[in-house]
Every structure is written in C-alpha cells, then in structure tokens.
Amino acid sequence: MVYAYVQDVPIGEELYRKIIDELGPEPLAGSLMHLCVRRSDGGLRYIDVWESEEACERAFDERIHPAVDTAFGGQRPGSEPVVERLEVLHATGSLLGEAAV
C-alpha cells in the first residue's frame, strides 16, 4: 500500500544539500517521489511518497539516517521532526505504474 507523508524540518538548503550529497546518486529503494520545498519561515518541508511504510523505514535505517548523521557531523538532534502521515485515497503517475489505491 502506498505510504505518503509531509514533514517540516528545521534546516536550511545548505544542510539539505549536504544530506543529498551523502545519499549519493543511487535511488532509494521503494521511494516513488521526494519533494523538498522552502517554507515561508525559511525551513524546509518534505513531501514523500513510498511504495510502502516498510520500504520507507528500511531506507531511513539503511541510508537516510546514516547520511543525515554524516551531514550533521555526528551531532544530529536527538528527536525527529514530526511526520504527518497522509491518507492516500488514490495515486497515479509514471513511477507508480498502475493506479494505486
């Protein structure tokens, strides 16, 4: 089942770019879409769509958290920003193949 969420993160573009560089060019398994936008307060908002919640958790454990830790110089804040899960009623797009409900 498709898993999607929105997450506001208290970082700027420079740190975001460091995290992306640490992730490298290989796509994250199970990620269907990642969109990063700037909020009016200067922070960033992530909008993510995954094949499943399990694929998302695996990517965080295996790739995202290690990249964030490195980008933060090993001093990542102890708590994660709040994740607002989105209830997906319908999703289509080239990455999804067939429509997913």
N, C-alpha and C. Protein backbone atom coordinates (compact mmCIF):
# COMPACT_ATOMS: atom_id res chain seq x y z
N MET A 1 0.83 -1.18 0.00
CA MET A 1 0.00 0.00 0.00
C MET A 1 0.88 1.24 0.00
N VAL A 2 0.55 2.23 -0.80
CA VAL A 2 1.31 3.47 -0.90
C VAL A 2 1.31 4.19 0.44
N TYR A 3 2.47 4.70 0.82
CA TYR A 3 2.65 5.43 2.07
C TYR A 3 3.15 6.83 1.72
N ALA A 4 2.51 7.86 2.28
CA ALA A 4 2.91 9.24 1.99
C ALA A 4 2.89 10.06 3.27
N TYR A 5 3.76 11.06 3.31
CA TYR A 5 3.79 11.94 4.47
C TYR A 5 4.35 13.30 4.12
N VAL A 6 4.11 14.25 5.03
CA VAL A 6 4.67 15.59 4.98
C VAL A 6 5.48 15.76 6.27
N GLN A 7 6.64 16.38 6.15
CA GLN A 7 7.50 16.60 7.32
C GLN A 7 8.18 17.96 7.19
N ASP A 8 7.97 18.82 8.19
CA ASP A 8 8.66 20.10 8.24
C ASP A 8 9.95 19.92 9.01
N VAL A 9 11.05 20.35 8.40
CA VAL A 9 12.36 20.16 9.03
C VAL A 9 13.03 21.52 9.25
N PRO A 10 13.65 21.69 10.41
CA PRO A 10 14.23 22.99 10.77
C PRO A 10 15.67 23.15 10.26
N ILE A 11 15.86 22.89 8.97
CA ILE A 11 17.19 23.04 8.39
C ILE A 11 17.08 23.94 7.17
N GLY A 12 18.21 24.44 6.72
CA GLY A 12 18.26 25.25 5.52
C GLY A 12 18.72 24.45 4.32
N GLU A 13 18.77 25.14 3.19
CA GLU A 13 19.13 24.47 1.94
C GLU A 13 20.56 23.92 1.96
N GLU A 14 21.48 24.62 2.59
CA GLU A 14 22.88 24.17 2.61
C GLU A 14 23.01 22.80 3.28
N LEU A 15 22.39 22.62 4.42
CA LEU A 15 22.45 21.33 5.11
C LEU A 15 21.68 20.27 4.33
N TYR A 16 20.56 20.65 3.75
CA TYR A 16 19.81 19.72 2.92
C TYR A 16 20.69 19.19 1.78
N ARG A 17 21.41 20.08 1.12
CA ARG A 17 22.29 19.66 0.01
C ARG A 17 23.39 18.71 0.50
N LYS A 18 23.90 18.94 1.70
CA LYS A 18 24.90 18.02 2.27
C LYS A 18 24.30 16.62 2.45
N ILE A 19 23.07 16.57 2.94
CA ILE A 19 22.41 15.28 3.12
C ILE A 19 22.23 14.58 1.78
N ILE A 20 21.78 15.31 0.78
CA ILE A 20 21.58 14.74 -0.56
C ILE A 20 22.90 14.23 -1.12
N ASP A 21 23.97 15.00 -0.93
CA ASP A 21 25.29 14.56 -1.40
C ASP A 21 25.70 13.27 -0.71
N GLU A 22 25.44 13.17 0.59
CA GLU A 22 25.78 11.96 1.34
C GLU A 22 24.98 10.75 0.87
N LEU A 23 23.73 10.98 0.45
CA LEU A 23 22.91 9.87 -0.05
C LEU A 23 23.46 9.31 -1.35
N GLY A 24 24.09 10.15 -2.14
CA GLY A 24 24.66 9.70 -3.41
C GLY A 24 23.60 9.58 -4.49
N PRO A 25 24.03 9.20 -5.69
CA PRO A 25 23.14 9.20 -6.85
C PRO A 25 22.19 8.00 -6.93
N GLU A 26 22.48 6.93 -6.20
CA GLU A 26 21.64 5.73 -6.29
C GLU A 26 20.26 6.01 -5.70
N PRO A 27 19.19 5.71 -6.45
CA PRO A 27 17.84 5.94 -5.93
C PRO A 27 17.58 5.13 -4.66
N LEU A 28 16.73 5.66 -3.82
CA LEU A 28 16.33 4.95 -2.60
C LEU A 28 15.29 3.89 -2.97
N ALA A 29 15.55 2.66 -2.62
CA ALA A 29 14.62 1.58 -2.93
C ALA A 29 13.26 1.86 -2.30
N GLY A 30 12.22 1.81 -3.11
CA GLY A 30 10.87 2.00 -2.62
C GLY A 30 10.37 3.43 -2.64
N SER A 31 11.26 4.40 -2.91
CA SER A 31 10.83 5.79 -2.96
C SER A 31 10.19 6.07 -4.32
N LEU A 32 8.98 6.60 -4.29
CA LEU A 32 8.29 6.94 -5.52
C LEU A 32 8.42 8.41 -5.86
N MET A 33 8.51 9.26 -4.80
CA MET A 33 8.67 10.69 -5.02
C MET A 33 9.17 11.35 -3.74
N HIS A 34 10.11 12.28 -3.90
CA HIS A 34 10.55 13.13 -2.79
C HIS A 34 10.55 14.56 -3.32
N LEU A 35 9.83 15.42 -2.62
CA LEU A 35 9.76 16.82 -2.99
C LEU A 35 10.18 17.63 -1.78
N CYS A 36 11.13 18.53 -1.96
CA CYS A 36 11.58 19.42 -0.89
C CYS A 36 11.25 20.84 -1.32
N VAL A 37 10.49 21.54 -0.46
CA VAL A 37 10.11 22.92 -0.76
C VAL A 37 10.48 23.81 0.41
N ARG A 38 10.69 25.09 0.12
CA ARG A 38 11.02 26.05 1.17
C ARG A 38 9.72 26.61 1.75
N ARG A 39 9.64 26.63 3.08
CA ARG A 39 8.50 27.23 3.77
C ARG A 39 8.73 28.73 3.91
N SER A 40 7.70 29.47 4.21
CA SER A 40 7.81 30.92 4.34
C SER A 40 8.73 31.34 5.48
N ASP A 41 8.91 30.47 6.50
CA ASP A 41 9.79 30.80 7.62
C ASP A 41 11.25 30.43 7.35
N GLY A 42 11.54 29.93 6.14
CA GLY A 42 12.90 29.58 5.77
C GLY A 42 13.25 28.12 5.98
N GLY A 43 12.44 27.41 6.77
CA GLY A 43 12.65 25.97 6.94
C GLY A 43 12.24 25.22 5.69
N LEU A 44 12.39 23.92 5.73
CA LEU A 44 12.06 23.09 4.57
C LEU A 44 10.91 22.16 4.90
N ARG A 45 10.18 21.78 3.88
CA ARG A 45 9.10 20.80 4.00
C ARG A 45 9.37 19.69 3.00
N TYR A 46 9.31 18.46 3.51
CA TYR A 46 9.44 17.29 2.64
C TYR A 46 8.05 16.73 2.39
N ILE A 47 7.81 16.34 1.17
CA ILE A 47 6.61 15.60 0.80
C ILE A 47 7.11 14.33 0.13
N ASP A 48 6.82 13.20 0.75
CA ASP A 48 7.36 11.93 0.27
C ASP A 48 6.27 10.93 -0.01
N VAL A 49 6.49 10.11 -1.04
CA VAL A 49 5.59 9.02 -1.39
C VAL A 49 6.46 7.78 -1.56
N TRP A 50 6.06 6.71 -0.89
CA TRP A 50 6.80 5.45 -0.89
C TRP A 50 5.90 4.30 -1.31
N GLU A 51 6.51 3.24 -1.80
CA GLU A 51 5.76 2.03 -2.14
C GLU A 51 5.02 1.49 -0.93
N SER A 52 5.65 1.60 0.25
CA SER A 52 5.06 1.09 1.48
C SER A 52 5.75 1.75 2.67
N GLU A 53 5.13 1.68 3.82
CA GLU A 53 5.75 2.21 5.04
C GLU A 53 7.01 1.42 5.38
N GLU A 54 6.98 0.13 5.12
CA GLU A 54 8.16 -0.71 5.39
C GLU A 54 9.35 -0.30 4.53
N ALA A 55 9.11 0.01 3.26
CA ALA A 55 10.19 0.46 2.37
C ALA A 55 10.77 1.77 2.88
N CYS A 56 9.92 2.65 3.36
CA CYS A 56 10.36 3.93 3.92
C CYS A 56 11.23 3.70 5.16
N GLU A 57 10.76 2.87 6.08
CA GLU A 57 11.51 2.59 7.30
C GLU A 57 12.88 1.98 6.98
N ARG A 58 12.91 1.07 6.03
CA ARG A 58 14.17 0.42 5.63
C ARG A 58 15.14 1.45 5.06
N ALA A 59 14.64 2.36 4.22
CA ALA A 59 15.51 3.39 3.63
C ALA A 59 16.06 4.31 4.71
N PHE A 60 15.24 4.67 5.69
CA PHE A 60 15.72 5.50 6.79
C PHE A 60 16.80 4.78 7.59
N ASP A 61 16.58 3.52 7.89
CA ASP A 61 17.56 2.75 8.67
C ASP A 61 18.88 2.56 7.91
N GLU A 62 18.76 2.22 6.64
CA GLU A 62 19.94 1.84 5.86
C GLU A 62 20.68 3.00 5.21
N ARG A 63 19.97 4.05 4.80
CA ARG A 63 20.62 5.09 4.03
C ARG A 63 20.40 6.52 4.54
N ILE A 64 19.16 6.85 4.88
CA ILE A 64 18.86 8.24 5.20
C ILE A 64 19.46 8.67 6.52
N HIS A 65 19.22 7.93 7.59
CA HIS A 65 19.79 8.31 8.88
C HIS A 65 21.32 8.34 8.86
N PRO A 66 22.01 7.36 8.26
CA PRO A 66 23.47 7.49 8.17
C PRO A 66 23.91 8.74 7.40
N ALA A 67 23.21 9.10 6.33
CA ALA A 67 23.56 10.31 5.57
C ALA A 67 23.32 11.56 6.40
N VAL A 68 22.22 11.60 7.13
CA VAL A 68 21.92 12.75 7.98
C VAL A 68 22.97 12.86 9.09
N ASP A 69 23.31 11.74 9.70
CA ASP A 69 24.33 11.75 10.76
C ASP A 69 25.64 12.32 10.25
N THR A 70 26.06 11.90 9.07
CA THR A 70 27.31 12.40 8.49
C THR A 70 27.21 13.89 8.18
N ALA A 71 26.10 14.31 7.57
CA ALA A 71 25.92 15.72 7.21
C ALA A 71 25.92 16.62 8.45
N PHE A 72 25.39 16.11 9.56
CA PHE A 72 25.36 16.87 10.81
C PHE A 72 26.68 16.74 11.57
N GLY A 73 27.66 16.06 11.01
CA GLY A 73 28.93 15.88 11.70
C GLY A 73 28.82 15.02 12.93
N GLY A 74 27.88 14.08 12.91
CA GLY A 74 27.69 13.18 14.04
C GLY A 74 26.91 13.80 15.18
N GLN A 75 26.41 15.00 15.01
CA GLN A 75 25.69 15.71 16.08
C GLN A 75 24.22 15.95 15.72
N ARG A 76 23.59 14.97 15.11
CA ARG A 76 22.19 15.12 14.73
C ARG A 76 21.34 15.31 15.99
N PRO A 77 20.35 16.20 15.94
CA PRO A 77 19.46 16.38 17.09
C PRO A 77 18.82 15.05 17.49
N GLY A 78 18.54 14.90 18.78
CA GLY A 78 18.03 13.64 19.30
C GLY A 78 16.62 13.29 18.86
N SER A 79 15.80 14.27 18.51
CA SER A 79 14.42 13.95 18.14
C SER A 79 14.18 14.23 16.67
N GLU A 80 13.32 13.41 16.09
CA GLU A 80 12.95 13.57 14.68
C GLU A 80 11.85 14.62 14.56
N PRO A 81 11.86 15.39 13.48
CA PRO A 81 10.73 16.28 13.24
C PRO A 81 9.44 15.46 13.08
N VAL A 82 8.33 16.04 13.42
CA VAL A 82 7.03 15.36 13.35
C VAL A 82 6.72 14.98 11.90
N VAL A 83 6.25 13.76 11.74
CA VAL A 83 5.81 13.27 10.43
C VAL A 83 4.29 13.28 10.41
N GLU A 84 3.72 13.96 9.44
CA GLU A 84 2.27 13.97 9.28
C GLU A 84 1.91 13.01 8.16
N ARG A 85 1.40 11.87 8.56
CA ARG A 85 1.03 10.85 7.59
C ARG A 85 -0.16 11.34 6.77
N LEU A 86 -0.12 11.08 5.48
CA LEU A 86 -1.19 11.47 4.58
C LEU A 86 -2.00 10.24 4.22
N GLU A 87 -3.31 10.35 4.26
CA GLU A 87 -4.17 9.24 3.88
C GLU A 87 -4.31 9.26 2.36
N VAL A 88 -3.70 8.29 1.71
CA VAL A 88 -3.71 8.22 0.25
C VAL A 88 -5.00 7.54 -0.20
N LEU A 89 -5.82 8.27 -0.93
CA LEU A 89 -7.05 7.72 -1.47
C LEU A 89 -6.85 7.20 -2.89
N HIS A 90 -5.96 7.87 -3.62
CA HIS A 90 -5.70 7.48 -5.00
C HIS A 90 -4.37 8.07 -5.41
N ALA A 91 -3.58 7.33 -6.13
CA ALA A 91 -2.29 7.83 -6.60
C ALA A 91 -2.03 7.28 -7.99
N THR A 92 -1.59 8.16 -8.89
CA THR A 92 -1.19 7.72 -10.23
C THR A 92 0.10 8.45 -10.58
N GLY A 93 0.76 7.97 -11.57
CA GLY A 93 1.98 8.63 -12.03
C GLY A 93 2.89 7.61 -12.68
N SER A 94 3.87 8.11 -13.39
CA SER A 94 4.76 7.22 -14.14
C SER A 94 5.56 6.30 -13.23
N LEU A 95 5.86 6.73 -12.01
CA LEU A 95 6.62 5.88 -11.10
C LEU A 95 5.77 4.78 -10.46
N LEU A 96 4.46 4.98 -10.44
CA LEU A 96 3.58 4.02 -9.82
C LEU A 96 3.16 2.90 -10.76
N GLY A 97 3.31 3.10 -12.05
CA GLY A 97 2.80 2.11 -12.99
C GLY A 97 1.29 2.20 -13.00
N GLU A 98 0.63 1.16 -12.51
CA GLU A 98 -0.82 1.19 -12.43
C GLU A 98 -1.25 2.07 -11.28
N ALA A 99 -2.48 2.53 -11.32
CA ALA A 99 -3.01 3.35 -10.24
C ALA A 99 -2.99 2.56 -8.95
N ALA A 100 -2.62 3.24 -7.87
CA ALA A 100 -2.58 2.62 -6.55
C ALA A 100 -3.62 3.27 -5.66
N VAL A 101 -4.30 2.46 -4.91
CA VAL A 101 -5.33 2.98 -4.02
C VAL A 101 -4.96 2.64 -2.60
